[in-house]
């Protein structure tokens, strides 16, 4: 996953989309400290394939491609 530096306390939203643009998952996390954070995406019922994850804060947005393999 790409790195996005969040210099202040903020909310970070992570969304995962399939190739047709449908949202497969969404997470909203408060960023309390400048450190690494992990989110586990429970993929039960989700097909293998290419997805895009978008990480958004108040000031920045980062979108990357990823592949889910089973």
N, C-alpha and C. Protein backbone atom coordinates (compact mmCIF):
# COMPACT_ATOMS: atom_id res chain seq x y z
N UNK A 1 0.84 -1.17 0.00
CA UNK A 1 0.00 0.00 0.00
C UNK A 1 0.89 1.23 0.00
N UNK A 2 0.47 2.28 -0.68
CA UNK A 2 1.22 3.51 -0.70
C UNK A 2 1.19 4.20 0.65
N UNK A 3 2.18 5.02 0.90
CA UNK A 3 2.26 5.72 2.18
C UNK A 3 1.76 7.15 2.00
N UNK A 4 0.98 7.60 2.96
CA UNK A 4 0.49 8.97 2.99
C UNK A 4 0.80 9.53 4.36
N UNK A 5 1.64 10.55 4.44
CA UNK A 5 2.02 11.16 5.71
C UNK A 5 0.92 12.12 6.14
N UNK A 6 0.41 11.91 7.35
CA UNK A 6 -0.62 12.78 7.91
C UNK A 6 0.03 13.57 9.03
N UNK A 7 0.37 14.86 8.81
CA UNK A 7 1.16 15.61 9.77
C UNK A 7 0.42 16.05 11.03
N UNK A 8 -0.89 16.00 11.05
CA UNK A 8 -1.65 16.42 12.22
C UNK A 8 -2.72 15.39 12.52
N UNK A 9 -3.37 15.53 13.66
CA UNK A 9 -4.50 14.67 13.98
C UNK A 9 -5.61 14.94 12.97
N UNK A 10 -6.13 13.87 12.41
CA UNK A 10 -7.16 14.02 11.37
C UNK A 10 -7.87 12.69 11.24
N UNK A 11 -8.93 12.70 10.48
CA UNK A 11 -9.60 11.45 10.14
C UNK A 11 -9.05 10.98 8.81
N UNK A 12 -8.77 9.69 8.72
CA UNK A 12 -8.30 9.10 7.46
C UNK A 12 -9.36 8.10 7.01
N UNK A 13 -9.78 8.22 5.77
CA UNK A 13 -10.80 7.34 5.21
C UNK A 13 -10.14 6.46 4.16
N UNK A 14 -10.33 5.15 4.29
CA UNK A 14 -9.83 4.20 3.32
C UNK A 14 -11.02 3.54 2.65
N UNK A 15 -11.07 3.62 1.32
CA UNK A 15 -12.14 2.99 0.55
C UNK A 15 -11.52 2.02 -0.45
N UNK A 16 -12.19 0.90 -0.67
CA UNK A 16 -11.74 -0.09 -1.64
C UNK A 16 -12.83 -0.25 -2.69
N UNK A 17 -12.43 -0.14 -3.96
CA UNK A 17 -13.36 -0.20 -5.08
C UNK A 17 -12.99 -1.34 -6.01
N UNK A 18 -14.00 -1.96 -6.64
CA UNK A 18 -13.72 -2.96 -7.67
C UNK A 18 -13.52 -2.24 -9.00
N UNK A 19 -13.26 -3.00 -10.07
CA UNK A 19 -12.97 -2.40 -11.37
C UNK A 19 -14.15 -1.62 -11.95
N UNK A 20 -15.36 -1.96 -11.57
CA UNK A 20 -16.52 -1.23 -12.10
C UNK A 20 -16.83 0.03 -11.28
N UNK A 21 -16.03 0.29 -10.23
CA UNK A 21 -16.22 1.50 -9.43
C UNK A 21 -17.12 1.32 -8.23
N UNK A 22 -17.63 0.09 -8.01
CA UNK A 22 -18.47 -0.15 -6.83
C UNK A 22 -17.58 -0.25 -5.60
N UNK A 23 -18.04 0.39 -4.52
CA UNK A 23 -17.26 0.35 -3.27
C UNK A 23 -17.43 -1.03 -2.63
N UNK A 24 -16.31 -1.70 -2.39
CA UNK A 24 -16.30 -3.03 -1.78
C UNK A 24 -16.14 -2.94 -0.27
N UNK A 25 -15.51 -1.87 0.22
CA UNK A 25 -15.31 -1.69 1.66
C UNK A 25 -14.98 -0.23 1.94
N UNK A 26 -15.22 0.19 3.17
CA UNK A 26 -14.93 1.55 3.58
C UNK A 26 -14.57 1.55 5.06
N UNK A 27 -13.52 2.30 5.40
CA UNK A 27 -13.05 2.38 6.78
C UNK A 27 -12.77 3.84 7.10
N UNK A 28 -13.14 4.28 8.30
CA UNK A 28 -12.85 5.64 8.75
C UNK A 28 -12.15 5.52 10.09
N UNK A 29 -10.93 6.05 10.16
CA UNK A 29 -10.12 5.93 11.36
C UNK A 29 -9.62 7.30 11.79
N UNK A 30 -9.72 7.63 13.08
CA UNK A 30 -9.06 8.85 13.56
C UNK A 30 -7.55 8.61 13.64
N UNK A 31 -6.76 9.58 13.21
CA UNK A 31 -5.30 9.47 13.31
C UNK A 31 -4.88 10.27 14.53
N UNK A 32 -4.52 9.56 15.59
CA UNK A 32 -4.16 10.22 16.84
C UNK A 32 -2.68 10.58 16.89
N UNK A 33 -1.84 9.74 16.28
CA UNK A 33 -0.41 9.97 16.32
C UNK A 33 0.18 9.69 14.95
N UNK A 34 1.34 10.27 14.69
CA UNK A 34 2.02 10.04 13.42
C UNK A 34 2.80 8.73 13.53
N UNK A 35 2.16 7.65 13.21
CA UNK A 35 2.80 6.34 13.24
C UNK A 35 2.09 5.45 12.22
N UNK A 36 2.59 4.26 12.05
CA UNK A 36 1.97 3.34 11.10
C UNK A 36 0.66 2.79 11.66
N UNK A 37 -0.31 2.62 10.78
CA UNK A 37 -1.59 2.06 11.16
C UNK A 37 -1.91 0.93 10.20
N UNK A 38 -2.60 -0.07 10.67
CA UNK A 38 -3.01 -1.20 9.83
C UNK A 38 -4.51 -1.39 9.90
N UNK A 39 -5.08 -1.79 8.78
CA UNK A 39 -6.49 -2.12 8.71
C UNK A 39 -6.60 -3.49 8.06
N UNK A 40 -7.42 -4.35 8.63
CA UNK A 40 -7.63 -5.68 8.06
C UNK A 40 -8.94 -5.67 7.29
N UNK A 41 -8.87 -6.04 6.04
CA UNK A 41 -10.04 -6.11 5.17
C UNK A 41 -10.51 -7.56 5.15
N UNK A 42 -11.64 -7.82 5.77
CA UNK A 42 -12.24 -9.15 5.76
C UNK A 42 -12.85 -9.37 4.39
N UNK A 43 -12.31 -10.31 3.63
CA UNK A 43 -12.71 -10.47 2.23
C UNK A 43 -13.64 -11.65 1.99
N UNK A 44 -14.35 -12.09 3.02
CA UNK A 44 -15.32 -13.17 2.83
C UNK A 44 -16.37 -12.72 1.82
N UNK A 45 -16.61 -13.53 0.81
CA UNK A 45 -17.61 -13.21 -0.19
C UNK A 45 -17.14 -12.24 -1.26
N UNK A 46 -15.86 -11.90 -1.25
CA UNK A 46 -15.30 -10.98 -2.24
C UNK A 46 -14.48 -11.79 -3.24
N UNK A 47 -14.66 -11.53 -4.52
CA UNK A 47 -13.96 -12.28 -5.56
C UNK A 47 -12.51 -11.86 -5.70
N UNK A 48 -11.69 -12.79 -6.15
CA UNK A 48 -10.31 -12.45 -6.52
C UNK A 48 -10.35 -11.46 -7.66
N UNK A 49 -9.34 -10.62 -7.77
CA UNK A 49 -9.28 -9.68 -8.88
C UNK A 49 -8.55 -8.42 -8.52
N UNK A 50 -8.66 -7.44 -9.39
CA UNK A 50 -8.00 -6.15 -9.21
C UNK A 50 -8.96 -5.19 -8.53
N UNK A 51 -8.43 -4.48 -7.53
CA UNK A 51 -9.19 -3.48 -6.79
C UNK A 51 -8.35 -2.22 -6.68
N UNK A 52 -8.98 -1.14 -6.32
CA UNK A 52 -8.28 0.11 -6.07
C UNK A 52 -8.57 0.53 -4.64
N UNK A 53 -7.53 0.98 -3.93
CA UNK A 53 -7.77 1.53 -2.60
C UNK A 53 -7.45 3.02 -2.65
N UNK A 54 -8.32 3.79 -1.99
CA UNK A 54 -8.19 5.24 -1.95
C UNK A 54 -8.12 5.67 -0.49
N UNK A 55 -7.03 6.32 -0.12
CA UNK A 55 -6.83 6.83 1.22
C UNK A 55 -6.99 8.34 1.18
N UNK A 56 -7.91 8.87 1.97
CA UNK A 56 -8.23 10.30 1.92
C UNK A 56 -8.17 10.91 3.31
N UNK A 57 -7.53 12.08 3.39
CA UNK A 57 -7.58 12.91 4.59
C UNK A 57 -8.13 14.27 4.16
N UNK A 58 -8.23 15.17 5.10
CA UNK A 58 -8.75 16.50 4.78
C UNK A 58 -7.90 17.20 3.72
N UNK A 59 -6.60 16.95 3.72
CA UNK A 59 -5.69 17.69 2.84
C UNK A 59 -5.14 16.87 1.68
N UNK A 60 -5.21 15.54 1.72
CA UNK A 60 -4.57 14.71 0.71
C UNK A 60 -5.45 13.53 0.30
N UNK A 61 -5.13 12.99 -0.87
CA UNK A 61 -5.79 11.78 -1.35
C UNK A 61 -4.76 10.96 -2.13
N UNK A 62 -4.80 9.64 -1.95
CA UNK A 62 -3.86 8.74 -2.61
C UNK A 62 -4.64 7.52 -3.08
N UNK A 63 -4.54 7.18 -4.38
CA UNK A 63 -5.22 6.02 -4.93
C UNK A 63 -4.20 5.10 -5.55
N UNK A 64 -4.30 3.80 -5.24
CA UNK A 64 -3.39 2.78 -5.77
C UNK A 64 -4.16 1.54 -6.17
N UNK A 65 -3.58 0.78 -7.06
CA UNK A 65 -4.16 -0.48 -7.53
C UNK A 65 -3.61 -1.62 -6.66
N UNK A 66 -4.46 -2.64 -6.43
CA UNK A 66 -4.00 -3.82 -5.70
C UNK A 66 -4.71 -5.05 -6.27
N UNK A 67 -4.15 -6.22 -5.98
CA UNK A 67 -4.72 -7.46 -6.48
C UNK A 67 -5.04 -8.39 -5.30
N UNK A 68 -6.26 -8.91 -5.30
CA UNK A 68 -6.68 -9.87 -4.28
C UNK A 68 -6.58 -11.26 -4.89
N UNK A 69 -5.77 -12.11 -4.30
CA UNK A 69 -5.60 -13.49 -4.77
C UNK A 69 -6.10 -14.44 -3.71
N UNK A 70 -6.77 -15.47 -4.12
CA UNK A 70 -7.26 -16.50 -3.21
C UNK A 70 -6.54 -17.79 -3.46
